[in-house]
Amino acid sequence: MFKLPNLPYAKTGLAPLFNEEQMTYHYDKHHKAYIDNLNKFAETDASLKGKSLEEITLTSSGGVFNNAAQAWNHTFFWFGMSPAGQGGQPSAELSAAITRDFGSMDELKAKFVDGGVKTFGSGWIWLCMDAAGKLSLVSTSNAAVPFTNNGPTPLLVADVWEHAYYVDYRNLRAKYLETFWAQVNWNFVSENFASKKVRDLTKSMT
């Protein structure tokens, strides 16, 4: 039903943020496990057949939700990064919104890092946009996504589960999040901002 999406870069492509060992551990093992588990649920639950990953995430609970949402979260996470220097720049419209809602790009980065560090336990720190176009930071725990219950649209995310960064950073979550900013794929973020809707990731995973 779903497959591990192809990365838009080599597993060495996100250096110095992640080394190949970290990428293999996170992408080939953790991410793949969520997809494999979701496919096992689909084998015995006919109601999942034909649904997009987004639809399953929005309409499921328990183990199905956990694996569908984590498959979505991880795919969105990978696509939101690029090899250093290849992610472009925020669009003029996005830059203006960042200045309006955070004061400056530096303020956004500082608040993003702080929000990620303060996310308790395992989870995610998201840059989001509401229906009126206002930007905000949202912290979620475990597999939770911002867009359930008519929540805001994700533009960018950093994974703050310990397995996301332990090989390279051990327990230094702040250092990981600070380094993350050099790898942001601003073309991807700007496209999400312009579309004003939750990105459809299903085609990349089927």
C-alpha atoms as a PDB file:
ATOM      1  CA  MET A   1       0.000   0.000   0.000  1.00  0.00           C
ATOM      2  CA  PHE A   2       2.725   2.461   0.980  1.00  0.00           C
ATOM      3  CA  LYS A   3       6.468   2.384   0.455  1.00  0.00           C
ATOM      4  CA  LEU A   4       9.469   4.194   1.872  1.00  0.00           C
ATOM      5  CA  PRO A   5       9.799   7.373  -0.217  1.00  0.00           C
ATOM      6  CA  ASN A   6      13.019   8.001  -2.105  1.00  0.00           C
ATOM      7  CA  LEU A   7      15.121  10.663  -0.450  1.00  0.00           C
ATOM      8  CA  PRO A   8      15.655  13.758  -2.618  1.00  0.00           C
ATOM      9  CA  TYR A   9      19.403  13.553  -1.860  1.00  0.00           C
ATOM     10  CA  ALA A  10      22.026  10.933  -1.019  1.00  0.00           C
ATOM     11  CA  LYS A  11      22.201   9.638   2.551  1.00  0.00           C
ATOM     12  CA  THR A  12      25.439  11.613   2.853  1.00  0.00           C
ATOM     13  CA  GLY A  13      23.755  14.726   1.441  1.00  0.00           C
ATOM     14  CA  LEU A  14      22.727  16.321   4.723  1.00  0.00           C
ATOM     15  CA  ALA A  15      26.231  16.578   6.152  1.00  0.00           C
ATOM     16  CA  PRO A  16      27.188  18.206   8.449  1.00  0.00           C
ATOM     17  CA  LEU A  17      23.706  17.959   9.987  1.00  0.00           C
ATOM     18  CA  PHE A  18      23.585  14.148   9.808  1.00  0.00           C
ATOM     19  CA  ASN A  19      26.197  11.567   8.958  1.00  0.00           C
ATOM     20  CA  GLU A  20      25.394   8.427   6.952  1.00  0.00           C
ATOM     21  CA  GLU A  21      25.099   6.239  10.057  1.00  0.00           C
ATOM     22  CA  GLN A  22      22.434   8.539  11.520  1.00  0.00           C
ATOM     23  CA  MET A  23      20.547   8.626   8.217  1.00  0.00           C
ATOM     24  CA  THR A  24      20.643   4.843   7.841  1.00  0.00           C
ATOM     25  CA  TYR A  25      19.435   4.355  11.405  1.00  0.00           C
ATOM     26  CA  HIS A  26      16.635   6.913  11.133  1.00  0.00           C
ATOM     27  CA  TYR A  27      15.473   6.504   7.529  1.00  0.00           C
ATOM     28  CA  ASP A  28      16.084   2.811   6.789  1.00  0.00           C
ATOM     29  CA  LYS A  29      15.038   1.528  10.199  1.00  0.00           C
ATOM     30  CA  HIS A  30      12.701   3.908  12.055  1.00  0.00           C
ATOM     31  CA  HIS A  31      10.878   5.443   9.097  1.00  0.00           C
ATOM     32  CA  LYS A  32      10.585   2.122   7.270  1.00  0.00           C
ATOM     33  CA  ALA A  33       9.184   0.447  10.396  1.00  0.00           C
ATOM     34  CA  TYR A  34       6.262   2.906  10.521  1.00  0.00           C
ATOM     35  CA  ILE A  35       5.407   2.206   6.888  1.00  0.00           C
ATOM     36  CA  ASP A  36       5.720  -1.554   7.311  1.00  0.00           C
ATOM     37  CA  ASN A  37       3.457  -1.446  10.368  1.00  0.00           C
ATOM     38  CA  LEU A  38       0.868   0.668   8.543  1.00  0.00           C
ATOM     39  CA  ASN A  39       0.828  -1.783   5.653  1.00  0.00           C
ATOM     40  CA  LYS A  40       0.245  -4.639   8.100  1.00  0.00           C
ATOM     41  CA  PHE A  41      -2.789  -2.807   9.476  1.00  0.00           C
ATOM     42  CA  ALA A  42      -4.055  -2.302   5.922  1.00  0.00           C
ATOM     43  CA  GLU A  43      -3.849  -6.038   5.235  1.00  0.00           C
ATOM     44  CA  THR A  44      -6.530  -6.715   7.834  1.00  0.00           C
ATOM     45  CA  ASP A  45      -8.533  -3.469   7.765  1.00  0.00           C
ATOM     46  CA  ALA A  46     -10.421  -3.004   4.509  1.00  0.00           C
ATOM     47  CA  SER A  47     -11.448   0.531   5.496  1.00  0.00           C
ATOM     48  CA  LEU A  48      -7.867   1.696   4.888  1.00  0.00           C
ATOM     49  CA  LYS A  49      -7.745   0.522   1.275  1.00  0.00           C
ATOM     50  CA  GLY A  50      -7.666   3.321  -1.260  1.00  0.00           C
ATOM     51  CA  LYS A  51      -7.175   6.072   1.309  1.00  0.00           C
ATOM     52  CA  SER A  52      -4.355   8.585   1.106  1.00  0.00           C
ATOM     53  CA  LEU A  53      -1.866   8.814   3.930  1.00  0.00           C
ATOM     54  CA  GLU A  54      -3.391  12.168   4.883  1.00  0.00           C
ATOM     55  CA  GLU A  55      -6.892  10.666   5.023  1.00  0.00           C
ATOM     56  CA  ILE A  56      -5.738   7.810   7.235  1.00  0.00           C
ATOM     57  CA  THR A  57      -3.961  10.232   9.542  1.00  0.00           C
ATOM     58  CA  LEU A  58      -7.083  12.376   9.869  1.00  0.00           C
ATOM     59  CA  THR A  59      -9.558   9.543  10.422  1.00  0.00           C
ATOM     60  CA  SER A  60      -7.704   6.943  12.500  1.00  0.00           C
ATOM     61  CA  SER A  61      -6.651   6.443  16.090  1.00  0.00           C
ATOM     62  CA  GLY A  62      -4.449   4.148  18.146  1.00  0.00           C
ATOM     63  CA  GLY A  63      -1.789   2.134  16.356  1.00  0.00           C
ATOM     64  CA  VAL A  64      -3.053   2.984  12.881  1.00  0.00           C
ATOM     65  CA  PHE A  65      -2.818   6.711  13.603  1.00  0.00           C
ATOM     66  CA  ASN A  66       0.600   6.409  15.246  1.00  0.00           C
ATOM     67  CA  ASN A  67       2.131   4.672  12.249  1.00  0.00           C
ATOM     68  CA  ALA A  68       0.339   6.696   9.559  1.00  0.00           C
ATOM     69  CA  ALA A  69       1.162  10.006  11.220  1.00  0.00           C
ATOM     70  CA  GLN A  70       4.771   9.044  11.802  1.00  0.00           C
ATOM     71  CA  ALA A  71       5.097   7.964   8.167  1.00  0.00           C
ATOM     72  CA  TRP A  72       3.707  11.372   7.132  1.00  0.00           C
ATOM     73  CA  ASN A  73       5.805  13.324   9.638  1.00  0.00           C
ATOM     74  CA  HIS A  74       9.053  11.678   8.601  1.00  0.00           C
ATOM     75  CA  THR A  75       8.435  12.135   4.884  1.00  0.00           C
ATOM     76  CA  PHE A  76       7.624  15.812   5.449  1.00  0.00           C
ATOM     77  CA  PHE A  77      10.767  16.130   7.591  1.00  0.00           C
ATOM     78  CA  TRP A  78      13.058  14.685   4.892  1.00  0.00           C
ATOM     79  CA  PHE A  79      11.567  16.819   2.136  1.00  0.00           C
ATOM     80  CA  GLY A  80      11.960  19.952   4.253  1.00  0.00           C
ATOM     81  CA  MET A  81      15.744  19.630   4.171  1.00  0.00           C
ATOM     82  CA  SER A  82      18.319  19.863   1.402  1.00  0.00           C
ATOM     83  CA  PRO A  83      22.099  19.711   0.992  1.00  0.00           C
ATOM     84  CA  ALA A  84      23.650  22.886   2.388  1.00  0.00           C
ATOM     85  CA  GLY A  85      23.343  25.784  -0.007  1.00  0.00           C
ATOM     86  CA  GLN A  86      20.812  24.058  -2.277  1.00  0.00           C
ATOM     87  CA  GLY A  87      17.554  24.937  -0.524  1.00  0.00           C
ATOM     88  CA  GLY A  88      17.151  28.385  -2.014  1.00  0.00           C
ATOM     89  CA  GLN A  89      15.761  31.324  -0.074  1.00  0.00           C
ATOM     90  CA  PRO A  90      12.316  32.062   1.377  1.00  0.00           C
ATOM     91  CA  SER A  91       9.975  33.606  -1.163  1.00  0.00           C
ATOM     92  CA  ALA A  92       9.351  37.342  -0.831  1.00  0.00           C
ATOM     93  CA  GLU A  93       5.857  36.613   0.490  1.00  0.00           C
ATOM     94  CA  LEU A  94       7.122  34.132   3.076  1.00  0.00           C
ATOM     95  CA  SER A  95       9.926  36.475   4.150  1.00  0.00           C
ATOM     96  CA  ALA A  96       7.402  39.246   4.693  1.00  0.00           C
ATOM     97  CA  ALA A  97       5.195  36.937   6.767  1.00  0.00           C
ATOM     98  CA  ILE A  98       8.180  35.843   8.899  1.00  0.00           C
ATOM     99  CA  THR A  99       9.085  39.478   9.582  1.00  0.00           C
ATOM    100  CA  ARG A 100       5.459  40.331  10.357  1.00  0.00           C
ATOM    101  CA  ASP A 101       4.832  37.425  12.745  1.00  0.00           C
ATOM    102  CA  PHE A 102       8.262  36.857  14.329  1.00  0.00           C
ATOM    103  CA  GLY A 103      10.105  40.135  13.878  1.00  0.00           C
ATOM    104  CA  SER A 104      12.966  38.672  11.841  1.00  0.00           C
ATOM    105  CA  MET A 105      14.403  35.407  10.528  1.00  0.00           C
ATOM    106  CA  ASP A 106      16.824  35.353  13.473  1.00  0.00           C
ATOM    107  CA  GLU A 107      13.904  35.616  15.895  1.00  0.00           C
ATOM    108  CA  LEU A 108      12.098  32.778  14.138  1.00  0.00           C
ATOM    109  CA  LYS A 109      15.196  30.568  14.355  1.00  0.00           C
ATOM    110  CA  ALA A 110      15.697  31.359  18.043  1.00  0.00           C
ATOM    111  CA  LYS A 111      12.066  30.632  18.906  1.00  0.00           C
ATOM    112  CA  PHE A 112      12.055  27.459  16.787  1.00  0.00           C
ATOM    113  CA  VAL A 113      15.150  26.135  18.557  1.00  0.00           C
ATOM    114  CA  ASP A 114      13.749  27.100  21.965  1.00  0.00           C
ATOM    115  CA  GLY A 115      10.401  25.469  21.187  1.00  0.00           C
ATOM    116  CA  GLY A 116      12.105  22.294  20.028  1.00  0.00           C
ATOM    117  CA  VAL A 117      14.314  22.108  23.115  1.00  0.00           C
ATOM    118  CA  LYS A 118      11.290  22.626  25.364  1.00  0.00           C
ATOM    119  CA  THR A 119       9.193  19.958  23.632  1.00  0.00           C
ATOM    120  CA  PHE A 120       8.913  17.431  26.439  1.00  0.00           C
ATOM    121  CA  GLY A 121      10.054  13.900  25.670  1.00  0.00           C
ATOM    122  CA  SER A 122       9.614  12.815  22.058  1.00  0.00           C
ATOM    123  CA  GLY A 123       7.893  14.930  19.427  1.00  0.00           C
ATOM    124  CA  TRP A 124       8.145  17.587  16.734  1.00  0.00           C
ATOM    125  CA  ILE A 125       8.517  21.344  16.380  1.00  0.00           C
ATOM    126  CA  TRP A 126       6.592  22.834  13.442  1.00  0.00           C
ATOM    127  CA  LEU A 127       6.405  26.125  11.596  1.00  0.00           C
ATOM    128  CA  CYS A 128       2.728  26.424  10.655  1.00  0.00           C
ATOM    129  CA  MET A 129       0.254  28.774   8.982  1.00  0.00           C
ATOM    130  CA  ASP A 130      -3.392  29.240   9.924  1.00  0.00           C
ATOM    131  CA  ALA A 131      -6.299  29.893   7.565  1.00  0.00           C
ATOM    132  CA  ALA A 132      -5.697  33.653   7.764  1.00  0.00           C
ATOM    133  CA  GLY A 133      -2.045  33.260   6.757  1.00  0.00           C
ATOM    134  CA  LYS A 134      -0.585  33.940  10.208  1.00  0.00           C
ATOM    135  CA  LEU A 135       2.565  31.985  11.067  1.00  0.00           C
ATOM    136  CA  SER A 136       3.135  30.243  14.390  1.00  0.00           C
ATOM    137  CA  LEU A 137       5.240  27.552  16.011  1.00  0.00           C
ATOM    138  CA  VAL A 138       3.515  24.385  17.184  1.00  0.00           C
ATOM    139  CA  SER A 139       5.021  21.667  19.369  1.00  0.00           C
ATOM    140  CA  THR A 140       3.485  18.187  19.181  1.00  0.00           C
ATOM    141  CA  SER A 141       4.186  15.046  21.180  1.00  0.00           C
ATOM    142  CA  ASN A 142       4.859  11.561  19.877  1.00  0.00           C
ATOM    143  CA  ALA A 143       3.137  11.115  16.465  1.00  0.00           C
ATOM    144  CA  ALA A 144       0.737  14.069  16.653  1.00  0.00           C
ATOM    145  CA  VAL A 145       0.386  16.367  13.636  1.00  0.00           C
ATOM    146  CA  PRO A 146      -0.815  19.997  13.696  1.00  0.00           C
ATOM    147  CA  PHE A 147      -3.481  19.621  11.013  1.00  0.00           C
ATOM    148  CA  THR A 148      -5.900  17.344  12.853  1.00  0.00           C
ATOM    149  CA  ASN A 149      -9.127  18.955  14.163  1.00  0.00           C
ATOM    150  CA  ASN A 150      -8.881  21.740  11.564  1.00  0.00           C
ATOM    151  CA  GLY A 151      -5.510  22.800  12.903  1.00  0.00           C
ATOM    152  CA  PRO A 152      -2.906  24.861  11.029  1.00  0.00           C
ATOM    153  CA  THR A 153      -1.036  23.876   7.869  1.00  0.00           C
ATOM    154  CA  PRO A 154       2.550  22.634   8.364  1.00  0.00           C
ATOM    155  CA  LEU A 155       5.274  24.474   6.459  1.00  0.00           C
ATOM    156  CA  LEU A 156       8.416  22.985   8.054  1.00  0.00           C
ATOM    157  CA  VAL A 157       9.221  20.512  10.825  1.00  0.00           C
ATOM    158  CA  ALA A 158      12.159  19.263  12.862  1.00  0.00           C
ATOM    159  CA  ASP A 159      12.030  15.837  14.477  1.00  0.00           C
ATOM    160  CA  VAL A 160      12.983  16.041  18.153  1.00  0.00           C
ATOM    161  CA  TRP A 161      12.663  12.356  18.966  1.00  0.00           C
ATOM    162  CA  GLU A 162      16.020  11.330  20.370  1.00  0.00           C
ATOM    163  CA  HIS A 163      16.515   8.761  17.599  1.00  0.00           C
ATOM    164  CA  ALA A 164      16.550  11.646  15.102  1.00  0.00           C
ATOM    165  CA  TYR A 165      19.838  13.077  16.316  1.00  0.00           C
ATOM    166  CA  TYR A 166      21.478  10.826  18.938  1.00  0.00           C
ATOM    167  CA  VAL A 167      24.210   9.360  16.720  1.00  0.00           C
ATOM    168  CA  ASP A 168      25.532  12.806  15.797  1.00  0.00           C
ATOM    169  CA  TYR A 169      24.619  14.905  18.839  1.00  0.00           C
ATOM    170  CA  ARG A 170      23.961  12.530  21.755  1.00  0.00           C
ATOM    171  CA  ASN A 171      21.731  14.594  24.105  1.00  0.00           C
ATOM    172  CA  LEU A 172      22.596  18.009  22.611  1.00  0.00           C
ATOM    173  CA  ARG A 173      19.166  18.763  21.149  1.00  0.00           C
ATOM    174  CA  ALA A 174      19.801  22.514  20.934  1.00  0.00           C
ATOM    175  CA  LYS A 175      22.987  22.018  18.888  1.00  0.00           C
ATOM    176  CA  TYR A 176      21.118  19.715  16.516  1.00  0.00           C
ATOM    177  CA  LEU A 177      18.300  22.240  16.029  1.00  0.00           C
ATOM    178  CA  GLU A 178      20.729  25.103  15.476  1.00  0.00           C
ATOM    179  CA  THR A 179      22.551  23.059  12.810  1.00  0.00           C
ATOM    180  CA  PHE A 180      19.231  22.077  11.217  1.00  0.00           C
ATOM    181  CA  TRP A 181      18.702  25.643   9.959  1.00  0.00           C
ATOM    182  CA  ALA A 182      21.617  25.414   7.506  1.00  0.00           C
ATOM    183  CA  GLN A 183      19.824  22.529   5.759  1.00  0.00           C
ATOM    184  CA  VAL A 184      16.317  23.972   5.384  1.00  0.00           C
ATOM    185  CA  ASN A 185      14.794  23.540   1.918  1.00  0.00           C
ATOM    186  CA  TRP A 186      13.247  26.978   1.591  1.00  0.00           C
ATOM    187  CA  ASN A 187      11.846  26.136  -1.830  1.00  0.00           C
ATOM    188  CA  PHE A 188       9.756  23.410  -0.169  1.00  0.00           C
ATOM    189  CA  VAL A 189       8.672  25.710   2.683  1.00  0.00           C
ATOM    190  CA  SER A 190       7.748  28.505   0.288  1.00  0.00           C
ATOM    191  CA  GLU A 191       5.658  26.118  -1.829  1.00  0.00           C
ATOM    192  CA  ASN A 192       3.757  25.030   1.280  1.00  0.00           C
ATOM    193  CA  PHE A 193       3.178  28.654   2.239  1.00  0.00           C
ATOM    194  CA  ALA A 194       1.905  29.540  -1.252  1.00  0.00           C
ATOM    195  CA  SER A 195      -0.412  26.518  -1.524  1.00  0.00           C
ATOM    196  CA  LYS A 196      -2.072  27.213   1.872  1.00  0.00           C
ATOM    197  CA  LYS A 197      -3.001  23.530   2.241  1.00  0.00           C
ATOM    198  CA  VAL A 198      -1.570  20.375   3.763  1.00  0.00           C
ATOM    199  CA  ARG A 199       0.932  18.881   1.348  1.00  0.00           C
ATOM    200  CA  ASP A 200      -0.129  15.627  -0.306  1.00  0.00           C
ATOM    201  CA  LEU A 201       2.737  13.202   0.340  1.00  0.00           C
ATOM    202  CA  THR A 202       0.895  10.059  -0.702  1.00  0.00           C
ATOM    203  CA  LYS A 203       2.210   9.919  -4.277  1.00  0.00           C
ATOM    204  CA  SER A 204       5.789   9.849  -3.018  1.00  0.00           C
ATOM    205  CA  MET A 205       4.984   6.760  -0.932  1.00  0.00           C
ATOM    206  CA  THR A 206       2.929   4.574  -3.317  1.00  0.00           C
END
